[in-house]
Amino acid sequence: WDVSTSQALAELEGHSSYVWGVAWSPDGSLLASANQDGTVRLWDVETYQELSVLNTGWAFSVAWSPSGNQLAVGTAEGPVQVWDIEARELLYSLESPSSSMIISVAWSPHGSTIASGELAGGIYLWDAERREQRSALVGYTDRRSDANGLAWSPDGRVLASAHQDGQVRLWDPENGELLQALSGHVGWVRGVAWSPDGRSLASTGQDAKVYLWNADTGEQLALRDEHTLPVWSVAWSPDGRQLAAGSGQYGDSHTSGTVLVWALSLPEE
């Protein structure tokens, strides 16, 4: 999409099933898409051409390393796969103890840690260099609480997670301490994203609402409920002045969703 004109620039065709996740490469030249058809595809953003197909199995989520040389993929079969982008080869896999579906994945800003979120609710932190588990964030709820979304703060000091029990949780990744639990959504929280300056957090949910939070105090800054369908995803513009949120179908409904973009006026220092 061209944000300034709200016009579609291109459709990237090739997948044969649901596209569950997309992610820009750090330099903005490539787009990775995760699909239920058993592949992750890499696209040239300038030409809109498919460059490569990675045979990953059913893929839910993708996250680039800060260098752009590697791509982490969360799969339905359980492991997090890490691919060498230049060679288009699988480097290694990270197997969690529960072997649950990996429905969210996020690479830390400094590149040292990969976070993975599971359908069963567990969150695991992995040492990207040693290729081993560093810690686990589990046992924080007595109900099923899918880890639907993960996002690192820009400085890497806090990890945010979105859950089926209606909570947005903020974690200290160094010691695994739960810093805050943000309550507002009714039903599943689907997406979470930090503002580029790290001061604000956006979350989206099954309740068709978008919340803005003060990341330090947990205070609710704003609420938007202009969507009519569950809101699955959210993303900030790099300058922090705009926020986009995408809604999608509910249940077996095939009603088309929308992407809404807001101009933001956030508190000054």
Protein backbone atom coordinates (compact mmCIF):
# COMPACT_ATOMS: atom_id res chain seq x y z
CA TRP A 1 0.00 0.00 0.00
CA ASP A 2 1.00 3.60 -0.64
CA VAL A 3 0.28 5.23 2.72
CA SER A 4 0.10 8.77 1.34
CA THR A 5 -2.60 7.93 -1.24
CA SER A 6 -4.22 4.86 0.41
CA GLN A 7 -3.84 3.08 -2.93
CA ALA A 8 -2.78 -0.53 -3.42
CA LEU A 9 0.60 -0.74 -5.19
CA ALA A 10 0.69 -4.48 -5.81
CA GLU A 11 -0.60 -7.91 -4.82
CA LEU A 12 2.06 -10.49 -4.04
CA GLU A 13 0.71 -13.77 -5.39
CA GLY A 14 2.14 -17.21 -4.81
CA HIS A 15 0.82 -18.56 -1.51
CA SER A 16 -2.06 -21.03 -1.64
CA SER A 17 -3.45 -20.65 1.89
CA TYR A 18 -3.70 -18.26 4.86
CA VAL A 19 -0.90 -15.72 5.29
CA TRP A 20 -0.38 -15.59 9.07
CA GLY A 21 2.54 -13.19 9.35
CA VAL A 22 4.63 -10.69 7.39
CA ALA A 23 7.81 -8.81 8.27
CA TRP A 24 10.02 -6.22 6.58
CA SER A 25 13.76 -6.80 6.46
CA PRO A 26 15.73 -4.19 8.48
CA ASP A 27 16.83 -2.36 5.33
CA GLY A 28 13.32 -2.41 3.87
CA SER A 29 14.31 -4.20 0.67
CA LEU A 30 12.64 -7.55 1.37
CA LEU A 31 9.36 -8.78 2.76
CA ALA A 32 8.97 -12.21 4.35
CA SER A 33 5.55 -13.89 4.53
CA ALA A 34 4.58 -16.91 6.65
CA ASN A 35 1.89 -19.22 5.32
CA GLN A 36 -0.22 -22.23 6.14
CA ASP A 37 0.77 -23.76 2.79
CA GLY A 38 4.08 -24.89 4.30
CA THR A 39 6.31 -22.09 3.02
CA VAL A 40 7.84 -18.75 3.88
CA ARG A 41 8.33 -16.57 0.82
CA LEU A 42 10.76 -13.71 0.29
CA TRP A 43 9.67 -10.82 -1.91
CA ASP A 44 11.56 -7.99 -3.61
CA VAL A 45 9.77 -4.84 -2.48
CA GLU A 46 10.96 -2.77 -5.44
CA THR A 47 9.82 -5.16 -8.17
CA TYR A 48 7.11 -7.04 -6.21
CA GLN A 49 8.65 -10.28 -7.45
CA GLU A 50 9.02 -13.50 -5.47
CA LEU A 51 12.71 -14.13 -4.83
CA SER A 52 12.70 -17.38 -2.90
CA VAL A 53 10.55 -20.05 -1.28
CA LEU A 54 11.67 -21.51 2.05
CA ASN A 55 10.12 -24.91 2.75
CA THR A 56 9.42 -24.46 6.43
CA GLY A 57 6.21 -26.39 6.97
CA TRP A 58 3.14 -24.54 8.24
CA ALA A 59 4.54 -21.17 9.33
CA PHE A 60 2.76 -18.81 11.71
CA SER A 61 5.25 -16.00 12.22
CA VAL A 62 8.52 -14.52 10.98
CA ALA A 63 11.11 -12.18 12.52
CA TRP A 64 14.35 -10.83 11.04
CA SER A 65 17.64 -10.60 12.89
CA PRO A 66 18.76 -6.96 13.30
CA SER A 67 21.51 -7.58 10.73
CA GLY A 68 19.01 -8.89 8.19
CA ASN A 69 21.17 -11.97 7.55
CA GLN A 70 18.87 -14.43 9.30
CA LEU A 71 15.15 -15.07 9.62
CA ALA A 72 13.38 -16.78 12.53
CA VAL A 73 10.23 -18.74 11.70
CA GLY A 74 7.60 -19.98 14.15
CA THR A 75 6.11 -23.26 12.93
CA ALA A 76 3.04 -25.37 13.65
CA GLU A 77 5.16 -28.43 14.35
CA GLY A 78 6.86 -26.75 17.29
CA PRO A 79 10.43 -25.67 16.58
CA VAL A 80 11.63 -22.18 15.84
CA GLN A 81 13.57 -22.38 12.60
CA VAL A 82 16.44 -19.98 11.88
CA TRP A 83 17.35 -19.52 8.21
CA ASP A 84 20.43 -18.09 6.51
CA ILE A 85 18.93 -15.58 4.09
CA GLU A 86 21.88 -15.33 1.71
CA ALA A 87 22.28 -19.09 1.36
CA ARG A 88 18.52 -19.78 1.69
CA GLU A 89 19.40 -22.64 4.05
CA LEU A 90 18.07 -23.76 7.42
CA LEU A 91 20.80 -23.04 9.98
CA TYR A 92 19.26 -24.61 13.08
CA SER A 93 16.03 -25.33 14.95
CA LEU A 94 15.10 -24.52 18.55
CA GLU A 95 12.90 -27.16 20.20
CA SER A 96 10.81 -26.12 23.20
CA PRO A 97 10.04 -28.69 25.92
CA SER A 98 6.29 -28.55 25.23
CA SER A 99 6.50 -28.97 21.43
CA SER A 100 3.50 -26.65 21.12
CA MET A 101 2.75 -24.61 17.99
CA ILE A 102 4.92 -21.47 17.80
CA ILE A 103 2.43 -18.74 16.95
CA SER A 104 4.62 -15.69 17.60
CA VAL A 105 8.32 -14.95 17.36
CA ALA A 106 10.41 -11.81 17.94
CA TRP A 107 14.15 -11.10 17.64
CA SER A 108 15.64 -8.76 20.24
CA PRO A 109 17.00 -5.41 18.98
CA HIS A 110 20.57 -6.35 19.92
CA GLY A 111 20.31 -9.69 18.11
CA SER A 112 21.29 -11.86 21.06
CA THR A 113 17.89 -13.30 21.94
CA ILE A 114 14.92 -14.81 20.12
CA ALA A 115 11.56 -14.90 21.90
CA SER A 116 8.96 -17.49 20.92
CA GLY A 117 5.31 -17.63 21.98
CA GLU A 118 3.27 -20.83 22.00
CA LEU A 119 -0.32 -21.84 21.48
CA ALA A 120 -0.12 -23.43 24.93
CA GLY A 121 0.80 -20.03 26.41
CA GLY A 122 4.47 -20.50 27.17
CA ILE A 123 7.10 -17.95 26.18
CA TYR A 124 10.68 -19.07 25.69
CA LEU A 125 13.81 -16.95 25.36
CA TRP A 126 16.64 -18.40 23.26
CA ASP A 127 20.32 -17.50 23.03
CA ALA A 128 20.76 -16.87 19.31
CA GLU A 129 24.53 -17.42 19.42
CA ARG A 130 24.66 -20.50 21.65
CA ARG A 131 21.48 -21.84 20.01
CA GLU A 132 20.00 -22.92 23.32
CA GLN A 133 17.19 -22.01 25.69
CA ARG A 134 18.00 -19.14 28.01
CA SER A 135 14.81 -18.99 30.10
CA ALA A 136 11.07 -19.67 30.08
CA LEU A 137 8.14 -17.44 31.00
CA VAL A 138 5.48 -19.98 31.92
CA GLY A 139 2.96 -20.75 34.64
CA TYR A 140 1.56 -17.23 34.84
CA THR A 141 -2.08 -18.26 34.32
CA ASP A 142 -4.30 -21.18 35.20
CA ARG A 143 -6.23 -20.85 31.96
CA ARG A 144 -5.28 -21.41 28.36
CA SER A 145 -3.55 -18.21 27.31
CA ASP A 146 -2.12 -18.38 23.80
CA ALA A 147 0.89 -16.08 23.36
CA ASN A 148 -0.62 -14.42 20.28
CA GLY A 149 1.90 -11.60 19.95
CA LEU A 150 5.39 -10.65 21.11
CA ALA A 151 7.28 -7.37 20.81
CA TRP A 152 10.59 -6.14 22.24
CA SER A 153 10.94 -2.57 23.42
CA PRO A 154 13.38 -0.61 21.20
CA ASP A 155 16.09 -0.79 23.88
CA GLY A 156 15.55 -4.53 24.42
CA ARG A 157 14.87 -4.15 28.14
CA VAL A 158 11.20 -5.18 28.11
CA LEU A 159 9.28 -7.88 26.25
CA ALA A 160 5.55 -7.37 25.69
CA SER A 161 3.19 -10.30 25.13
CA ALA A 162 -0.47 -10.50 24.03
CA HIS A 163 -2.67 -13.26 25.44
CA GLN A 164 -5.97 -15.03 25.07
CA ASP A 165 -6.96 -14.23 28.66
CA GLY A 166 -7.29 -10.54 27.76
CA GLN A 167 -3.98 -9.46 29.28
CA VAL A 168 -1.00 -7.61 27.84
CA ARG A 169 2.03 -8.56 29.90
CA LEU A 170 5.35 -6.74 30.21
CA TRP A 171 8.39 -8.82 31.18
CA ASP A 172 11.96 -8.21 32.26
CA PRO A 173 13.81 -10.59 29.91
CA GLU A 174 16.90 -10.65 32.10
CA ASN A 175 15.30 -12.21 35.17
CA GLY A 176 11.90 -13.32 33.82
CA GLU A 177 10.04 -11.02 36.21
CA LEU A 178 6.51 -9.95 35.28
CA LEU A 179 6.66 -6.14 35.41
CA GLN A 180 3.06 -5.30 34.59
CA ALA A 181 -0.19 -6.84 33.38
CA LEU A 182 -2.33 -4.40 31.38
CA SER A 183 -6.08 -5.02 31.53
CA GLY A 184 -8.58 -3.46 29.14
CA HIS A 185 -9.39 -5.86 26.36
CA VAL A 186 -12.41 -8.14 26.62
CA GLY A 187 -11.43 -11.49 25.15
CA TRP A 188 -8.29 -12.37 23.23
CA VAL A 189 -5.51 -9.85 22.77
CA ARG A 190 -4.16 -10.41 19.27
CA GLY A 191 -1.35 -7.97 18.55
CA VAL A 192 1.11 -5.74 20.37
CA ALA A 193 3.64 -3.16 19.14
CA TRP A 194 5.96 -0.56 20.69
CA SER A 195 6.24 3.02 19.54
CA PRO A 196 9.68 3.76 18.06
CA ASP A 197 10.63 5.86 21.11
CA GLY A 198 9.65 3.04 23.50
CA ARG A 199 7.31 5.24 25.54
CA SER A 200 4.00 3.84 24.31
CA LEU A 201 2.54 0.43 23.54
CA ALA A 202 -0.34 -0.43 21.21
CA SER A 203 -2.49 -3.54 21.55
CA THR A 204 -5.34 -5.02 19.50
CA GLY A 205 -7.93 -7.63 20.26
CA GLN A 206 -10.89 -9.84 19.53
CA ASP A 207 -13.08 -7.08 20.97
CA ALA A 208 -12.42 -4.94 17.85
CA LYS A 209 -10.55 -2.35 19.90
CA VAL A 210 -7.11 -0.75 19.74
CA TYR A 211 -5.55 0.48 22.99
CA LEU A 212 -2.60 2.79 23.56
CA TRP A 213 -0.73 2.41 26.86
CA ASN A 214 1.93 4.34 28.73
CA ALA A 215 4.67 1.70 28.83
CA ASP A 216 6.16 3.00 32.10
CA THR A 217 3.02 3.45 34.21
CA GLY A 218 0.56 1.09 32.51
CA GLU A 219 -1.88 3.98 32.14
CA GLN A 220 -4.34 3.77 29.26
CA LEU A 221 -3.63 6.68 26.90
CA ALA A 222 -6.27 6.12 24.22
CA LEU A 223 -8.91 3.71 22.95
CA ARG A 224 -10.15 3.35 19.39
CA ASP A 225 -13.13 1.15 18.51
CA GLU A 226 -13.75 2.04 14.87
CA HIS A 227 -13.19 -1.52 13.66
CA THR A 228 -16.23 -3.80 13.28
CA LEU A 229 -14.28 -7.08 13.21
CA PRO A 230 -11.61 -8.53 15.56
CA VAL A 231 -8.34 -6.61 15.19
CA TRP A 232 -5.47 -9.03 14.58
CA SER A 233 -2.42 -6.88 14.02
CA VAL A 234 -0.89 -3.48 14.72
CA ALA A 235 2.21 -1.58 13.54
CA TRP A 236 3.76 1.86 14.02
CA SER A 237 5.27 3.97 11.28
CA PRO A 238 9.05 4.38 11.79
CA ASP A 239 8.62 8.04 12.78
CA GLY A 240 5.96 7.16 15.38
CA ARG A 241 3.41 9.55 13.89
CA GLN A 242 1.01 6.95 12.49
CA LEU A 243 -0.48 3.69 13.70
CA ALA A 244 -1.97 0.98 11.47
CA ALA A 245 -4.25 -1.83 12.65
CA GLY A 246 -5.73 -4.63 10.57
CA SER A 247 -9.02 -6.42 11.27
CA GLY A 248 -10.10 -9.77 9.87
CA GLN A 249 -12.79 -12.41 9.72
CA TYR A 250 -14.60 -13.84 12.72
CA GLY A 251 -15.24 -17.57 12.98
CA ASP A 252 -16.35 -19.01 9.65
CA SER A 253 -17.28 -15.61 8.30
CA HIS A 254 -15.50 -14.50 5.14
CA THR A 255 -16.34 -10.83 5.63
CA SER A 256 -13.52 -8.66 4.35
CA GLY A 257 -11.48 -6.77 6.91
CA THR A 258 -9.93 -3.33 6.83
CA VAL A 259 -6.67 -1.62 7.71
CA LEU A 260 -7.21 1.67 9.52
CA VAL A 261 -4.42 4.23 9.87
CA TRP A 262 -4.45 6.94 12.52
CA ALA A 263 -2.38 10.10 12.92
CA LEU A 264 -1.06 10.23 16.48
CA SER A 265 -0.49 13.04 18.90
CA LEU A 266 1.43 11.59 21.84
CA PRO A 267 2.46 13.33 25.09
CA GLU A 268 5.58 15.48 24.91
CA GLU A 269 8.56 15.00 27.23
